[in-house]
């Protein structure tokens, strides 16, 4: 998901084989599954309204509610992807074997 490396650089850059990696992947997969399910519920609500209530124009509250549920996860996904693209940290290793973080030129060093 989103990265906060600019504010909190990672203390350990090298991983020891991925012990904690599976936990992070599981959390990310569950979060994306939740986002996808909310979007699917919004689409199903719009489909339900179209098939059952559209001919009589009743239950109109379902339309804006379904649109919010359908579009909000998509906007959240776009913002997370855009922040990952724009705010990346390049990790380099200096000759002494220590890790240092190179910040993009448009980002102030804190």
N, C-alpha and C. Protein backbone atom coordinates (compact mmCIF):
# COMPACT_ATOMS: atom_id res chain seq x y z
N UNK A 1 0.83 -1.15 0.00
CA UNK A 1 0.00 0.00 0.00
C UNK A 1 0.88 1.22 0.00
N UNK A 2 0.52 2.29 0.75
CA UNK A 2 1.29 3.52 0.74
C UNK A 2 2.60 3.38 1.48
N UNK A 3 3.56 4.21 1.10
CA UNK A 3 4.85 4.13 1.76
C UNK A 3 5.12 5.44 2.47
N UNK A 4 5.71 5.37 3.64
CA UNK A 4 6.05 6.55 4.40
C UNK A 4 7.55 6.60 4.64
N UNK A 5 8.32 6.17 3.64
CA UNK A 5 9.77 6.14 3.79
C UNK A 5 10.35 7.53 3.94
N UNK A 6 9.72 8.53 3.37
CA UNK A 6 10.26 9.88 3.47
C UNK A 6 10.21 10.37 4.92
N UNK A 7 9.18 9.99 5.64
CA UNK A 7 9.06 10.42 7.03
C UNK A 7 9.73 9.46 8.00
N UNK A 8 9.63 8.19 7.72
CA UNK A 8 10.20 7.16 8.59
C UNK A 8 11.01 6.17 7.76
N UNK A 9 12.29 6.43 7.55
CA UNK A 9 13.08 5.48 6.75
C UNK A 9 13.17 4.14 7.44
N UNK A 10 13.24 3.06 6.68
CA UNK A 10 13.33 1.74 7.29
C UNK A 10 14.66 1.57 8.01
N UNK A 11 14.62 0.92 9.16
CA UNK A 11 15.85 0.72 9.93
C UNK A 11 16.65 -0.45 9.38
N UNK A 12 15.98 -1.45 8.87
CA UNK A 12 16.67 -2.62 8.33
C UNK A 12 16.31 -2.73 6.86
N UNK A 13 17.25 -2.47 5.98
CA UNK A 13 16.96 -2.47 4.57
C UNK A 13 16.98 -3.87 4.00
N UNK A 14 17.89 -4.71 4.49
CA UNK A 14 17.98 -6.07 3.99
C UNK A 14 17.06 -6.98 4.79
N UNK A 15 16.41 -7.90 4.09
CA UNK A 15 15.53 -8.83 4.79
C UNK A 15 16.29 -10.12 5.06
N UNK A 16 15.81 -10.84 6.04
CA UNK A 16 16.49 -12.07 6.43
C UNK A 16 15.85 -13.31 5.82
N UNK A 17 15.08 -13.17 4.80
CA UNK A 17 14.48 -14.34 4.18
C UNK A 17 12.98 -14.23 4.08
N UNK A 18 12.38 -13.18 4.60
CA UNK A 18 10.97 -12.96 4.40
C UNK A 18 10.08 -13.43 5.51
N UNK A 19 10.55 -13.52 6.74
CA UNK A 19 9.68 -13.94 7.83
C UNK A 19 8.53 -12.97 8.05
N UNK A 20 8.84 -11.69 8.03
CA UNK A 20 7.81 -10.67 8.22
C UNK A 20 7.13 -10.32 6.90
N UNK A 21 7.72 -10.73 5.80
CA UNK A 21 7.19 -10.39 4.48
C UNK A 21 5.81 -11.02 4.26
N UNK A 22 5.63 -12.25 4.71
CA UNK A 22 4.34 -12.91 4.53
C UNK A 22 3.23 -12.22 5.31
N UNK A 23 3.56 -11.72 6.50
CA UNK A 23 2.56 -11.01 7.29
C UNK A 23 2.13 -9.72 6.61
N UNK A 24 3.10 -9.01 6.04
CA UNK A 24 2.77 -7.77 5.32
C UNK A 24 1.96 -8.07 4.07
N UNK A 25 2.35 -9.12 3.36
CA UNK A 25 1.59 -9.48 2.16
C UNK A 25 0.17 -9.90 2.49
N UNK A 26 0.00 -10.63 3.57
CA UNK A 26 -1.33 -11.06 3.98
C UNK A 26 -2.19 -9.86 4.34
N UNK A 27 -1.62 -8.92 5.09
CA UNK A 27 -2.38 -7.72 5.44
C UNK A 27 -2.75 -6.92 4.21
N UNK A 28 -1.81 -6.80 3.27
CA UNK A 28 -2.10 -6.05 2.04
C UNK A 28 -3.18 -6.74 1.22
N UNK A 29 -3.11 -8.07 1.13
CA UNK A 29 -4.12 -8.82 0.37
C UNK A 29 -5.50 -8.70 1.02
N UNK A 30 -5.55 -8.76 2.33
CA UNK A 30 -6.83 -8.61 3.02
C UNK A 30 -7.39 -7.20 2.85
N UNK A 31 -6.52 -6.20 2.87
CA UNK A 31 -6.99 -4.83 2.68
C UNK A 31 -7.54 -4.65 1.26
N UNK A 32 -6.83 -5.16 0.26
CA UNK A 32 -7.32 -5.04 -1.11
C UNK A 32 -8.58 -5.87 -1.34
N UNK A 33 -8.70 -7.00 -0.65
CA UNK A 33 -9.91 -7.79 -0.75
C UNK A 33 -11.11 -7.03 -0.17
N UNK A 34 -10.88 -6.33 0.94
CA UNK A 34 -11.94 -5.51 1.52
C UNK A 34 -12.34 -4.36 0.61
N UNK A 35 -11.35 -3.72 0.00
CA UNK A 35 -11.64 -2.62 -0.93
C UNK A 35 -12.41 -3.14 -2.14
N UNK A 36 -11.99 -4.27 -2.67
CA UNK A 36 -12.67 -4.84 -3.82
C UNK A 36 -14.10 -5.25 -3.47
N UNK A 37 -14.30 -5.80 -2.28
CA UNK A 37 -15.65 -6.22 -1.90
C UNK A 37 -16.58 -5.02 -1.73
N UNK A 38 -16.07 -3.90 -1.21
CA UNK A 38 -16.90 -2.70 -1.09
C UNK A 38 -17.31 -2.21 -2.48
N UNK A 39 -16.39 -2.23 -3.42
CA UNK A 39 -16.70 -1.80 -4.77
C UNK A 39 -17.70 -2.73 -5.43
N UNK A 40 -17.56 -4.02 -5.21
CA UNK A 40 -18.50 -4.99 -5.78
C UNK A 40 -19.89 -4.80 -5.17
N UNK A 41 -19.96 -4.54 -3.88
CA UNK A 41 -21.26 -4.29 -3.24
C UNK A 41 -21.93 -3.07 -3.84
N UNK A 42 -21.15 -2.02 -4.10
CA UNK A 42 -21.72 -0.84 -4.74
C UNK A 42 -22.25 -1.13 -6.13
N UNK A 43 -21.49 -1.92 -6.91
CA UNK A 43 -21.96 -2.30 -8.25
C UNK A 43 -23.20 -3.16 -8.20
N UNK A 44 -23.24 -4.09 -7.24
CA UNK A 44 -24.43 -4.93 -7.10
C UNK A 44 -25.65 -4.12 -6.68
N UNK A 45 -25.43 -3.12 -5.83
CA UNK A 45 -26.54 -2.28 -5.41
C UNK A 45 -27.10 -1.48 -6.59
N UNK A 46 -26.22 -0.98 -7.45
CA UNK A 46 -26.68 -0.27 -8.64
C UNK A 46 -27.40 -1.21 -9.60
N UNK A 47 -26.88 -2.42 -9.75
CA UNK A 47 -27.54 -3.39 -10.61
C UNK A 47 -28.90 -3.80 -10.07
N UNK A 48 -28.99 -3.96 -8.75
CA UNK A 48 -30.27 -4.30 -8.12
C UNK A 48 -31.29 -3.19 -8.33
N UNK A 49 -30.85 -1.95 -8.15
CA UNK A 49 -31.77 -0.83 -8.34
C UNK A 49 -32.22 -0.76 -9.80
N UNK A 50 -31.29 -0.99 -10.73
CA UNK A 50 -31.64 -0.92 -12.15
C UNK A 50 -32.67 -1.98 -12.52
N UNK A 51 -32.48 -3.17 -12.01
CA UNK A 51 -33.38 -4.24 -12.42
C UNK A 51 -34.72 -4.22 -11.68
N UNK A 52 -34.75 -3.81 -10.43
CA UNK A 52 -35.99 -3.87 -9.66
C UNK A 52 -36.74 -2.55 -9.57
N UNK A 53 -36.02 -1.46 -9.34
CA UNK A 53 -36.70 -0.21 -8.98
C UNK A 53 -36.65 0.87 -10.06
N UNK A 54 -35.85 0.72 -11.09
CA UNK A 54 -35.73 1.76 -12.09
C UNK A 54 -37.03 2.02 -12.87
N UNK A 55 -37.78 0.99 -13.24
CA UNK A 55 -39.02 1.27 -13.99
C UNK A 55 -40.00 2.16 -13.22
N UNK A 56 -40.03 2.05 -11.90
CA UNK A 56 -40.97 2.85 -11.11
C UNK A 56 -40.32 4.09 -10.49
N UNK A 57 -39.00 4.25 -10.66
CA UNK A 57 -38.23 5.35 -10.06
C UNK A 57 -38.46 5.44 -8.55
N UNK A 58 -38.45 4.31 -7.90
CA UNK A 58 -38.55 4.29 -6.44
C UNK A 58 -37.20 3.86 -5.86
N UNK A 59 -37.08 4.01 -4.56
CA UNK A 59 -35.84 3.68 -3.84
C UNK A 59 -34.63 4.41 -4.46
N UNK A 60 -34.78 5.70 -4.72
CA UNK A 60 -33.73 6.46 -5.37
C UNK A 60 -32.50 6.66 -4.48
N UNK A 61 -32.61 6.41 -3.19
CA UNK A 61 -31.45 6.54 -2.31
C UNK A 61 -30.36 5.54 -2.66
N UNK A 62 -30.76 4.45 -3.33
CA UNK A 62 -29.78 3.41 -3.67
C UNK A 62 -28.78 3.87 -4.73
N UNK A 63 -29.15 4.84 -5.56
CA UNK A 63 -28.27 5.27 -6.65
C UNK A 63 -27.05 6.02 -6.11
N UNK A 64 -27.21 7.10 -5.34
CA UNK A 64 -25.99 7.76 -4.86
C UNK A 64 -25.19 6.90 -3.88
N UNK A 65 -25.87 6.11 -3.07
CA UNK A 65 -25.17 5.23 -2.14
C UNK A 65 -24.35 4.18 -2.89
N UNK A 66 -24.94 3.60 -3.93
CA UNK A 66 -24.23 2.62 -4.74
C UNK A 66 -23.06 3.25 -5.50
N UNK A 67 -23.24 4.49 -5.99
CA UNK A 67 -22.15 5.17 -6.69
C UNK A 67 -20.99 5.48 -5.74
N UNK A 68 -21.30 5.88 -4.52
CA UNK A 68 -20.24 6.15 -3.54
C UNK A 68 -19.47 4.88 -3.23
N UNK A 69 -20.20 3.78 -3.02
CA UNK A 69 -19.53 2.51 -2.73
C UNK A 69 -18.73 2.01 -3.93
N UNK A 70 -19.18 2.29 -5.13
CA UNK A 70 -18.50 1.81 -6.32
C UNK A 70 -17.26 2.63 -6.64
N UNK A 71 -17.32 3.96 -6.49
CA UNK A 71 -16.26 4.84 -6.97
C UNK A 71 -15.20 5.12 -5.90
N UNK A 72 -15.55 5.17 -4.63
CA UNK A 72 -14.59 5.52 -3.59
C UNK A 72 -13.39 4.58 -3.54
N UNK A 73 -13.55 3.26 -3.59
CA UNK A 73 -12.36 2.40 -3.59
C UNK A 73 -11.47 2.61 -4.81
N UNK A 74 -12.06 2.93 -5.95
CA UNK A 74 -11.25 3.19 -7.14
C UNK A 74 -10.41 4.45 -6.95
N UNK A 75 -11.00 5.51 -6.39
CA UNK A 75 -10.25 6.73 -6.12
C UNK A 75 -9.14 6.49 -5.09
N UNK A 76 -9.42 5.68 -4.09
CA UNK A 76 -8.40 5.37 -3.09
C UNK A 76 -7.26 4.59 -3.72
N UNK A 77 -7.57 3.66 -4.61
CA UNK A 77 -6.53 2.89 -5.28
C UNK A 77 -5.67 3.78 -6.16
N UNK A 78 -6.29 4.70 -6.89
CA UNK A 78 -5.53 5.62 -7.75
C UNK A 78 -4.62 6.50 -6.91
N UNK A 79 -5.10 6.99 -5.77
CA UNK A 79 -4.26 7.86 -4.93
C UNK A 79 -3.09 7.09 -4.33
N UNK A 80 -3.29 5.84 -3.94
CA UNK A 80 -2.19 5.04 -3.39
C UNK A 80 -1.15 4.76 -4.47
N UNK A 81 -1.59 4.41 -5.66
CA UNK A 81 -0.65 4.12 -6.75
C UNK A 81 0.11 5.39 -7.13
N UNK A 82 -0.58 6.53 -7.18
CA UNK A 82 0.09 7.78 -7.53
C UNK A 82 1.12 8.17 -6.47
N UNK A 83 0.81 7.94 -5.19
CA UNK A 83 1.76 8.28 -4.14
C UNK A 83 2.97 7.36 -4.18
N UNK A 84 2.78 6.10 -4.55
CA UNK A 84 3.91 5.18 -4.68
C UNK A 84 4.81 5.58 -5.85
N UNK A 85 4.22 6.06 -6.93
CA UNK A 85 5.01 6.45 -8.09
C UNK A 85 5.77 7.74 -7.81
N UNK A 86 5.11 8.70 -7.17
CA UNK A 86 5.72 10.01 -6.96
C UNK A 86 6.70 10.04 -5.79
N UNK A 87 6.50 9.29 -4.77
CA UNK A 87 7.32 9.36 -3.56
C UNK A 87 8.05 8.04 -3.34
N UNK A 88 9.11 7.86 -4.06
CA UNK A 88 9.90 6.64 -3.87
C UNK A 88 11.25 7.01 -3.29
N UNK A 89 11.84 6.09 -2.59
CA UNK A 89 13.15 6.28 -1.98
C UNK A 89 14.09 5.25 -2.58
N UNK A 90 15.22 5.71 -3.07
CA UNK A 90 16.21 4.82 -3.64
C UNK A 90 17.21 4.47 -2.55
N UNK A 91 17.39 3.18 -2.31
CA UNK A 91 18.32 2.72 -1.28
C UNK A 91 19.61 2.32 -1.97
N UNK A 92 20.71 2.90 -1.51
CA UNK A 92 22.02 2.58 -2.09
C UNK A 92 22.96 2.15 -0.97
N UNK A 93 23.98 1.42 -1.33
CA UNK A 93 24.95 0.97 -0.36
C UNK A 93 26.27 1.68 -0.64
N UNK A 94 26.83 2.29 0.41
CA UNK A 94 28.11 2.98 0.23
C UNK A 94 29.26 1.99 0.38
N UNK A 95 30.49 2.38 0.06
CA UNK A 95 31.61 1.44 0.08
C UNK A 95 31.87 0.79 1.44
N UNK A 96 31.51 1.43 2.56
CA UNK A 96 31.75 0.84 3.88
C UNK A 96 30.68 -0.20 4.24
N UNK A 97 29.69 -0.40 3.40
CA UNK A 97 28.68 -1.41 3.67
C UNK A 97 27.47 -0.87 4.41
N UNK A 98 27.45 0.44 4.68
CA UNK A 98 26.28 1.02 5.34
C UNK A 98 25.26 1.42 4.28
N UNK A 99 24.02 1.42 4.68
CA UNK A 99 22.95 1.80 3.76
C UNK A 99 22.61 3.26 3.95
N UNK A 100 22.36 3.94 2.86
CA UNK A 100 21.93 5.33 2.93
C UNK A 100 20.76 5.48 1.98
N UNK A 101 19.94 6.47 2.24
CA UNK A 101 18.75 6.71 1.45
C UNK A 101 18.96 7.95 0.60
N UNK A 102 18.75 7.81 -0.68
CA UNK A 102 18.81 8.95 -1.58
C UNK A 102 17.38 9.44 -1.79
N UNK A 103 17.13 10.67 -1.42
CA UNK A 103 15.80 11.23 -1.60
C UNK A 103 15.72 11.85 -2.97
N UNK A 104 14.55 11.82 -3.58
CA UNK A 104 14.38 12.49 -4.86
C UNK A 104 14.69 13.98 -4.71
N UNK A 105 15.16 14.64 -5.77
CA UNK A 105 15.60 16.02 -5.66
C UNK A 105 14.50 16.99 -5.26
N UNK A 106 13.23 16.70 -5.54
CA UNK A 106 12.17 17.63 -5.19
C UNK A 106 11.65 17.43 -3.77
N UNK A 107 12.26 16.53 -3.01
CA UNK A 107 11.79 16.23 -1.68
C UNK A 107 12.80 16.76 -0.66
N UNK A 108 12.37 17.57 0.32
CA UNK A 108 13.32 18.11 1.28
C UNK A 108 13.83 17.02 2.23
N UNK A 109 15.09 17.13 2.60
CA UNK A 109 15.65 16.20 3.58
C UNK A 109 15.25 16.63 4.96
N UNK A 110 14.72 15.69 5.75
CA UNK A 110 14.27 16.02 7.12
C UNK A 110 15.21 15.40 8.11
